[in-house]
N, C-alpha and C. Protein backbone atom coordinates (compact mmCIF):
# COMPACT_ATOMS: atom_id res chain seq x y z
N UNK A 1 0.81 -1.19 0.00
CA UNK A 1 0.00 0.00 0.00
C UNK A 1 0.85 1.25 0.00
N UNK A 2 2.16 1.11 0.00
CA UNK A 2 3.03 2.28 0.02
C UNK A 2 2.88 3.14 -1.23
N UNK A 3 2.77 2.51 -2.38
CA UNK A 3 2.74 3.24 -3.63
C UNK A 3 1.38 3.78 -4.02
N UNK A 4 0.39 3.68 -3.15
CA UNK A 4 -0.96 4.13 -3.48
C UNK A 4 -1.18 5.58 -3.04
N UNK A 5 -1.97 6.28 -3.82
CA UNK A 5 -2.34 7.64 -3.44
C UNK A 5 -3.40 7.58 -2.34
N UNK A 6 -3.75 8.72 -1.79
CA UNK A 6 -4.75 8.76 -0.71
C UNK A 6 -6.10 8.24 -1.19
N UNK A 7 -6.49 8.60 -2.40
CA UNK A 7 -7.77 8.12 -2.94
C UNK A 7 -7.73 6.61 -3.12
N UNK A 8 -6.64 6.09 -3.64
CA UNK A 8 -6.52 4.64 -3.81
C UNK A 8 -6.49 3.91 -2.48
N UNK A 9 -5.91 4.53 -1.46
CA UNK A 9 -5.92 3.91 -0.13
C UNK A 9 -7.34 3.84 0.43
N UNK A 10 -8.11 4.91 0.24
CA UNK A 10 -9.50 4.90 0.69
C UNK A 10 -10.31 3.88 -0.09
N UNK A 11 -10.07 3.80 -1.39
CA UNK A 11 -10.77 2.80 -2.21
C UNK A 11 -10.37 1.38 -1.80
N UNK A 12 -9.10 1.19 -1.46
CA UNK A 12 -8.65 -0.12 -1.03
C UNK A 12 -9.30 -0.51 0.30
N UNK A 13 -9.44 0.46 1.21
CA UNK A 13 -10.10 0.20 2.48
C UNK A 13 -11.58 -0.14 2.25
N UNK A 14 -12.25 0.62 1.39
CA UNK A 14 -13.65 0.34 1.06
C UNK A 14 -13.78 -1.01 0.38
N UNK A 15 -12.86 -1.32 -0.49
CA UNK A 15 -12.86 -2.60 -1.18
C UNK A 15 -12.67 -3.74 -0.19
N UNK A 16 -11.80 -3.55 0.78
CA UNK A 16 -11.57 -4.61 1.79
C UNK A 16 -12.82 -4.86 2.62
N UNK A 17 -13.54 -3.79 2.97
CA UNK A 17 -14.78 -3.94 3.73
C UNK A 17 -15.83 -4.67 2.88
N UNK A 18 -15.92 -4.29 1.60
CA UNK A 18 -16.88 -4.96 0.71
C UNK A 18 -16.52 -6.42 0.50
N UNK A 19 -15.24 -6.74 0.43
CA UNK A 19 -14.83 -8.13 0.31
C UNK A 19 -15.19 -8.92 1.56
N UNK A 20 -15.02 -8.32 2.72
CA UNK A 20 -15.40 -8.98 3.96
C UNK A 20 -16.91 -9.22 4.02
N UNK A 21 -17.68 -8.23 3.59
CA UNK A 21 -19.14 -8.40 3.56
C UNK A 21 -19.55 -9.48 2.57
N UNK A 22 -18.85 -9.57 1.45
CA UNK A 22 -19.14 -10.62 0.47
C UNK A 22 -18.81 -11.99 1.03
N UNK A 23 -17.72 -12.09 1.76
CA UNK A 23 -17.39 -13.38 2.40
C UNK A 23 -18.45 -13.77 3.43
N UNK A 24 -18.98 -12.79 4.16
CA UNK A 24 -20.07 -13.08 5.10
C UNK A 24 -21.33 -13.52 4.36
N UNK A 25 -21.55 -12.95 3.19
CA UNK A 25 -22.70 -13.38 2.37
C UNK A 25 -22.52 -14.82 1.90
N UNK A 26 -21.28 -15.21 1.61
CA UNK A 26 -21.01 -16.60 1.23
C UNK A 26 -21.31 -17.54 2.39
N UNK A 27 -21.07 -17.10 3.61
CA UNK A 27 -21.29 -17.96 4.78
C UNK A 27 -22.74 -18.02 5.22
N UNK A 28 -23.58 -17.12 4.76
CA UNK A 28 -24.95 -17.03 5.26
C UNK A 28 -25.78 -18.30 5.09
N UNK A 29 -25.63 -19.10 4.02
CA UNK A 29 -26.43 -20.33 3.97
C UNK A 29 -26.01 -21.38 4.99
N UNK A 30 -24.83 -21.24 5.55
CA UNK A 30 -24.30 -22.26 6.44
C UNK A 30 -24.43 -21.91 7.92
N UNK A 31 -24.81 -20.67 8.22
CA UNK A 31 -24.95 -20.24 9.61
C UNK A 31 -26.43 -20.01 9.90
N UNK A 32 -26.93 -20.62 10.93
CA UNK A 32 -28.34 -20.52 11.29
C UNK A 32 -28.66 -19.12 11.80
N UNK A 33 -29.80 -18.56 11.36
CA UNK A 33 -30.20 -17.25 11.88
C UNK A 33 -30.51 -17.27 13.37
N UNK A 34 -30.81 -18.41 13.94
CA UNK A 34 -31.02 -18.47 15.38
C UNK A 34 -29.72 -18.27 16.14
N UNK A 35 -28.60 -18.61 15.51
CA UNK A 35 -27.29 -18.41 16.13
C UNK A 35 -26.83 -16.97 15.97
N UNK A 36 -26.94 -16.42 14.75
CA UNK A 36 -26.51 -15.04 14.46
C UNK A 36 -27.42 -14.50 13.37
N UNK A 37 -28.49 -13.79 13.75
CA UNK A 37 -29.52 -13.40 12.79
C UNK A 37 -29.07 -12.38 11.75
N UNK A 38 -28.13 -11.46 12.00
CA UNK A 38 -27.77 -10.49 10.95
C UNK A 38 -27.12 -11.13 9.72
N UNK A 39 -26.60 -12.33 9.86
CA UNK A 39 -25.93 -12.98 8.72
C UNK A 39 -26.89 -13.22 7.57
N UNK A 40 -28.18 -13.38 7.86
CA UNK A 40 -29.14 -13.62 6.79
C UNK A 40 -29.29 -12.40 5.89
N UNK A 41 -29.12 -11.20 6.44
CA UNK A 41 -29.19 -10.00 5.61
C UNK A 41 -28.02 -9.91 4.64
N UNK A 42 -26.86 -10.39 5.08
CA UNK A 42 -25.71 -10.41 4.17
C UNK A 42 -25.99 -11.34 2.99
N UNK A 43 -26.66 -12.45 3.26
CA UNK A 43 -27.00 -13.37 2.18
C UNK A 43 -27.99 -12.74 1.20
N UNK A 44 -28.92 -11.94 1.70
CA UNK A 44 -29.86 -11.27 0.81
C UNK A 44 -29.19 -10.20 -0.04
N UNK A 45 -28.14 -9.62 0.47
CA UNK A 45 -27.43 -8.57 -0.26
C UNK A 45 -26.27 -9.11 -1.10
N UNK A 46 -26.19 -10.42 -1.24
CA UNK A 46 -25.12 -11.02 -2.02
C UNK A 46 -25.00 -10.43 -3.42
N UNK A 47 -26.09 -10.27 -4.19
CA UNK A 47 -25.92 -9.72 -5.55
C UNK A 47 -25.32 -8.32 -5.55
N UNK A 48 -25.70 -7.51 -4.57
CA UNK A 48 -25.16 -6.15 -4.49
C UNK A 48 -23.66 -6.19 -4.20
N UNK A 49 -23.27 -7.00 -3.22
CA UNK A 49 -21.85 -7.11 -2.87
C UNK A 49 -21.04 -7.66 -4.03
N UNK A 50 -21.61 -8.61 -4.75
CA UNK A 50 -20.88 -9.22 -5.87
C UNK A 50 -20.66 -8.20 -6.98
N UNK A 51 -21.68 -7.42 -7.29
CA UNK A 51 -21.55 -6.41 -8.34
C UNK A 51 -20.57 -5.31 -7.92
N UNK A 52 -20.65 -4.87 -6.66
CA UNK A 52 -19.73 -3.84 -6.18
C UNK A 52 -18.29 -4.33 -6.25
N UNK A 53 -18.05 -5.55 -5.82
CA UNK A 53 -16.70 -6.09 -5.87
C UNK A 53 -16.24 -6.34 -7.29
N UNK A 54 -17.15 -6.64 -8.18
CA UNK A 54 -16.78 -6.76 -9.60
C UNK A 54 -16.36 -5.40 -10.16
N UNK A 55 -17.04 -4.35 -9.74
CA UNK A 55 -16.65 -3.00 -10.17
C UNK A 55 -15.28 -2.63 -9.62
N UNK A 56 -15.01 -3.01 -8.37
CA UNK A 56 -13.67 -2.79 -7.81
C UNK A 56 -12.62 -3.58 -8.60
N UNK A 57 -12.97 -4.78 -9.00
CA UNK A 57 -12.05 -5.59 -9.81
C UNK A 57 -11.72 -4.88 -11.11
N UNK A 58 -12.71 -4.33 -11.77
CA UNK A 58 -12.48 -3.59 -13.01
C UNK A 58 -11.59 -2.37 -12.74
N UNK A 59 -11.84 -1.68 -11.63
CA UNK A 59 -11.02 -0.52 -11.29
C UNK A 59 -9.55 -0.91 -11.10
N UNK A 60 -9.33 -2.01 -10.37
CA UNK A 60 -7.94 -2.42 -10.11
C UNK A 60 -7.29 -2.96 -11.38
N UNK A 61 -8.08 -3.56 -12.27
CA UNK A 61 -7.51 -4.03 -13.56
C UNK A 61 -7.06 -2.83 -14.38
N UNK A 62 -7.89 -1.79 -14.44
CA UNK A 62 -7.53 -0.60 -15.23
C UNK A 62 -6.29 0.07 -14.65
N UNK A 63 -6.17 0.10 -13.34
CA UNK A 63 -5.02 0.75 -12.72
C UNK A 63 -3.80 -0.13 -12.62
N UNK A 64 -3.88 -1.37 -13.05
CA UNK A 64 -2.77 -2.32 -12.97
C UNK A 64 -2.17 -2.40 -11.56
N UNK A 65 -3.05 -2.48 -10.59
CA UNK A 65 -2.59 -2.55 -9.19
C UNK A 65 -2.63 -4.00 -8.72
N UNK A 66 -1.76 -4.30 -7.75
CA UNK A 66 -1.70 -5.66 -7.24
C UNK A 66 -2.87 -6.00 -6.31
N UNK A 67 -3.69 -5.00 -5.96
CA UNK A 67 -4.86 -5.24 -5.12
C UNK A 67 -5.92 -6.05 -5.85
N UNK A 68 -5.70 -6.31 -7.10
CA UNK A 68 -6.62 -7.10 -7.92
C UNK A 68 -6.75 -8.53 -7.40
N UNK A 69 -5.69 -9.07 -6.80
CA UNK A 69 -5.67 -10.48 -6.44
C UNK A 69 -6.68 -10.83 -5.37
N UNK A 70 -6.87 -9.96 -4.40
CA UNK A 70 -7.88 -10.23 -3.36
C UNK A 70 -9.27 -10.32 -3.99
N UNK A 71 -9.56 -9.42 -4.92
CA UNK A 71 -10.86 -9.45 -5.59
C UNK A 71 -11.03 -10.70 -6.43
N UNK A 72 -10.00 -11.06 -7.15
CA UNK A 72 -10.10 -12.25 -8.00
C UNK A 72 -10.37 -13.49 -7.15
N UNK A 73 -9.65 -13.64 -6.07
CA UNK A 73 -9.80 -14.83 -5.22
C UNK A 73 -11.20 -14.88 -4.61
N UNK A 74 -11.67 -13.78 -4.03
CA UNK A 74 -12.97 -13.77 -3.37
C UNK A 74 -14.09 -13.94 -4.39
N UNK A 75 -13.99 -13.32 -5.55
CA UNK A 75 -15.04 -13.47 -6.56
C UNK A 75 -15.06 -14.88 -7.15
N UNK A 76 -13.91 -15.50 -7.27
CA UNK A 76 -13.88 -16.88 -7.77
C UNK A 76 -14.45 -17.86 -6.74
N UNK A 77 -14.27 -17.57 -5.46
CA UNK A 77 -14.87 -18.42 -4.43
C UNK A 77 -16.39 -18.41 -4.55
N UNK A 78 -16.95 -17.25 -4.86
CA UNK A 78 -18.40 -17.12 -4.90
C UNK A 78 -19.05 -17.34 -6.24
N UNK A 79 -18.29 -17.77 -7.23
CA UNK A 79 -18.86 -17.96 -8.57
C UNK A 79 -19.94 -19.05 -8.58
N UNK A 80 -19.89 -19.96 -7.63
CA UNK A 80 -20.88 -21.03 -7.55
C UNK A 80 -22.25 -20.51 -7.12
N UNK A 81 -22.32 -19.34 -6.49
CA UNK A 81 -23.59 -18.80 -6.01
C UNK A 81 -24.28 -17.90 -7.03
N UNK A 82 -23.62 -17.56 -8.10
CA UNK A 82 -24.19 -16.63 -9.07
C UNK A 82 -25.46 -17.19 -9.69
N UNK A 83 -25.46 -18.46 -10.04
CA UNK A 83 -26.62 -19.07 -10.67
C UNK A 83 -27.86 -19.07 -9.79
N UNK A 84 -27.67 -19.01 -8.47
CA UNK A 84 -28.81 -18.99 -7.55
C UNK A 84 -29.52 -17.64 -7.54
N UNK A 85 -28.80 -16.57 -7.90
CA UNK A 85 -29.37 -15.23 -7.82
C UNK A 85 -29.63 -14.57 -9.16
N UNK A 86 -28.85 -14.89 -10.16
CA UNK A 86 -28.95 -14.17 -11.42
C UNK A 86 -29.59 -14.96 -12.54
N UNK A 87 -30.08 -16.15 -12.31
CA UNK A 87 -30.82 -16.90 -13.31
C UNK A 87 -30.04 -17.24 -14.55
N UNK A 88 -28.87 -17.82 -14.39
CA UNK A 88 -28.07 -18.19 -15.55
C UNK A 88 -28.41 -19.60 -16.05
N UNK A 89 -29.20 -20.34 -15.29
CA UNK A 89 -29.58 -21.70 -15.68
C UNK A 89 -30.76 -21.64 -16.65
N UNK A 90 -30.73 -22.40 -17.75
CA UNK A 90 -31.89 -22.40 -18.64
C UNK A 90 -33.07 -23.12 -17.98
N UNK A 91 -34.26 -22.69 -18.31
CA UNK A 91 -35.47 -23.28 -17.74
C UNK A 91 -35.80 -24.55 -18.51
N UNK A 92 -35.68 -25.70 -17.87
CA UNK A 92 -35.94 -26.98 -18.53
C UNK A 92 -37.36 -27.47 -18.26
N UNK A 93 -38.05 -26.90 -17.29
CA UNK A 93 -39.40 -27.31 -16.94
C UNK A 93 -40.38 -26.46 -17.75
N UNK A 94 -40.94 -27.03 -18.81
CA UNK A 94 -41.84 -26.27 -19.66
C UNK A 94 -43.29 -26.72 -19.56
N UNK A 95 -43.59 -27.64 -18.65
CA UNK A 95 -44.97 -28.08 -18.51
C UNK A 95 -45.78 -27.00 -17.82
N UNK A 96 -47.03 -26.86 -18.23
CA UNK A 96 -47.87 -25.80 -17.67
C UNK A 96 -48.67 -26.27 -16.47
N UNK A 97 -48.90 -27.58 -16.31
CA UNK A 97 -49.67 -28.03 -15.17
C UNK A 97 -48.78 -28.57 -14.05
N UNK A 98 -47.67 -27.94 -13.79
CA UNK A 98 -46.80 -28.41 -12.72
C UNK A 98 -47.13 -27.76 -11.38
N UNK A 99 -47.93 -26.69 -11.37
CA UNK A 99 -48.32 -26.04 -10.13
C UNK A 99 -49.84 -26.08 -10.01
N UNK A 100 -50.29 -26.57 -8.88
CA UNK A 100 -51.72 -26.60 -8.61
C UNK A 100 -51.96 -25.92 -7.27
N UNK A 101 -52.99 -25.10 -7.24
CA UNK A 101 -53.32 -24.38 -6.02
C UNK A 101 -54.70 -24.81 -5.57
N UNK A 102 -54.81 -25.13 -4.30
CA UNK A 102 -56.08 -25.53 -3.73
C UNK A 102 -56.46 -24.52 -2.66
N UNK A 103 -57.63 -23.98 -2.78
CA UNK A 103 -58.12 -23.03 -1.80
C UNK A 103 -59.41 -23.58 -1.21
N UNK A 104 -59.48 -23.61 0.08
CA UNK A 104 -60.68 -24.12 0.75
C UNK A 104 -61.16 -23.03 1.68
N UNK A 105 -62.19 -22.34 1.27
CA UNK A 105 -62.73 -21.24 2.04
C UNK A 105 -63.69 -21.80 3.09
N UNK A 106 -63.31 -21.70 4.35
CA UNK A 106 -64.15 -22.24 5.41
C UNK A 106 -65.02 -21.17 6.06
N UNK A 107 -64.91 -19.94 5.62
CA UNK A 107 -65.73 -18.82 6.09
C UNK A 107 -65.78 -18.76 7.61
N UNK A 108 -64.62 -18.81 8.22
CA UNK A 108 -64.48 -18.77 9.68
C UNK A 108 -65.28 -19.88 10.35
N UNK A 109 -65.37 -21.02 9.67
CA UNK A 109 -66.09 -22.18 10.17
C UNK A 109 -67.53 -21.84 10.54
N UNK A 110 -68.13 -20.97 9.73
CA UNK A 110 -69.52 -20.54 9.87
C UNK A 110 -69.78 -19.91 11.24
N UNK A 111 -68.85 -19.16 11.74
CA UNK A 111 -68.96 -18.53 13.06
C UNK A 111 -70.13 -17.55 13.12
N UNK A 112 -70.34 -16.81 12.06
CA UNK A 112 -71.41 -15.82 12.05
C UNK A 112 -72.68 -16.34 11.36
N UNK A 113 -72.73 -17.64 11.15
CA UNK A 113 -73.88 -18.34 10.58
C UNK A 113 -74.33 -17.74 9.25
N UNK A 114 -73.36 -17.58 8.35
CA UNK A 114 -73.65 -17.11 7.01
C UNK A 114 -74.33 -18.19 6.18
N UNK A 115 -74.05 -19.44 6.49
CA UNK A 115 -74.69 -20.56 5.81
C UNK A 115 -75.80 -21.08 6.73
N UNK A 116 -76.97 -21.22 6.18
CA UNK A 116 -78.14 -21.54 7.02
C UNK A 116 -78.22 -23.02 7.41
N UNK A 117 -77.37 -23.88 6.86
CA UNK A 117 -77.43 -25.30 7.21
C UNK A 117 -77.05 -25.50 8.67
N UNK A 118 -77.68 -26.42 9.37
CA UNK A 118 -77.43 -26.58 10.80
C UNK A 118 -76.08 -27.24 11.13
N UNK A 119 -75.58 -28.17 10.32
CA UNK A 119 -74.36 -28.91 10.66
C UNK A 119 -73.18 -28.56 9.75
N UNK A 120 -73.04 -27.34 9.38
CA UNK A 120 -71.96 -26.94 8.48
C UNK A 120 -70.61 -27.09 9.17
N UNK A 121 -70.54 -26.73 10.43
CA UNK A 121 -69.27 -26.81 11.15
C UNK A 121 -68.78 -28.25 11.25
N UNK A 122 -69.64 -29.18 11.46
CA UNK A 122 -69.23 -30.59 11.56
C UNK A 122 -68.82 -31.14 10.19
N UNK A 123 -69.32 -30.54 9.11
CA UNK A 123 -68.89 -30.97 7.77
C UNK A 123 -67.51 -30.42 7.43
N UNK A 124 -67.19 -29.25 7.95
CA UNK A 124 -65.91 -28.61 7.64
C UNK A 124 -64.78 -29.18 8.50
N UNK A 125 -64.99 -29.35 9.78
CA UNK A 125 -63.94 -29.69 10.71
C UNK A 125 -63.26 -31.04 10.42
N UNK A 126 -63.94 -32.12 10.10
CA UNK A 126 -63.20 -33.37 9.79
C UNK A 126 -62.25 -33.20 8.61
N UNK A 127 -62.64 -32.45 7.61
CA UNK A 127 -61.75 -32.20 6.47
C UNK A 127 -60.55 -31.38 6.92
N UNK A 128 -60.79 -30.42 7.78
CA UNK A 128 -59.73 -29.57 8.28
C UNK A 128 -58.73 -30.36 9.09
N UNK A 129 -59.20 -31.25 9.93
CA UNK A 129 -58.29 -32.05 10.75
C UNK A 129 -57.51 -33.04 9.89
N UNK A 130 -58.10 -33.53 8.82
CA UNK A 130 -57.40 -34.44 7.94
C UNK A 130 -56.26 -33.72 7.19
N UNK A 131 -56.44 -32.43 6.91
CA UNK A 131 -55.44 -31.68 6.17
C UNK A 131 -54.22 -31.35 6.99
N UNK A 132 -54.31 -31.45 8.29
CA UNK A 132 -53.14 -31.15 9.15
C UNK A 132 -52.09 -32.15 8.84
């Protein structure tokens, strides 16, 4: 860092923080939120951190600085996660009836007696218990 100007030193410090945040984003699928809940936010911000660090990589490439190596290593570690966020995989499932939605409106189990039948609640509840 001796040969860097003040602006490059500040950029290098910012880049180091962004690299650390990106590494935390890589760890987020493996650490339970019950153990450390803020780690899940790093995982959600993975695309932002990856793009920011890619921009830093381009900056260091243009400047021919040796700080490029930290970016290259960290970005190569996370290349396996790109397909999960940026949709690089082709869609092979082309069937249209692969999703079915079932809605069963129980109308609050006829609490306000909207249905005039006397045993509506007994007709609804066995089906409800079976669905559990």
